[in-house]
Amino acid sequence: MSVGTIDELAGWALELVSAARVARLGLVDANGNPRVLPVSYAHHADALWSVVDQKPKRQAGELARLRWLRRHPRAALTVDHYSEDWGDLAWVQALGPVAILPPSEYPEAVRVLTARYPQYESDPPPGPLLRLTPDRILFWRAAEPG
C-alpha cells in the first residue's frame, strides 16, 4: 500500500513507526552506489527526523552521509519488524527529500528525539538534524488485516 503522509498510515503501520527503536536510512553515495545506515529517528510535524549524535564516528570533519545528502538530497527511511513467524513480518518505508538543518533552529524536533532516546539528555546531539519529509510512504505486512 502507499500513502502520502504519516498520518494516513494504517493503525498498525503508525504503531510500528512509533514503537521501533531503529530505522534504516537508504541514500546514494558519492559514486552513485546505494548505502543503508542504521539511525535513531522520531516522527514530528509530518516528517521523520534524525540527528548526528555524539556516538564515535570513524572520521573527523563532515560525515559521509551529510556529503552524500548534499549531493543527492533524497532518501528512504525504512522501519521494519522481523519475526521468526513470517506471518508477523511488516515494514514501513518513507521516501522523500532530506533537509540538513541546525538543531538550534528546530528545538521541538530535538525535544522529540530526546524524549524518544533518553541518552540524549545527558549527551545532547550536536547535530545537524536530518528532516525527511515524505512525499510517498509504502507499507506492507504479511498478516491480513482483521
Foldseek 3Di string as FASTA:
>chain_A
DKDFFLVPDDPVQNVLLQPFQWKWKWFAFPVRDIDIDIFGWDDDDRWIKTWAFDDDDPDPDDDRVVVRCVVVQKIKIKGWDDDPPLQFTKMKIFIAGKDFAFCVVPVVRQVRSCVSPVVCVVGPGRGGMIIGNGRMMDMDGNHDDD
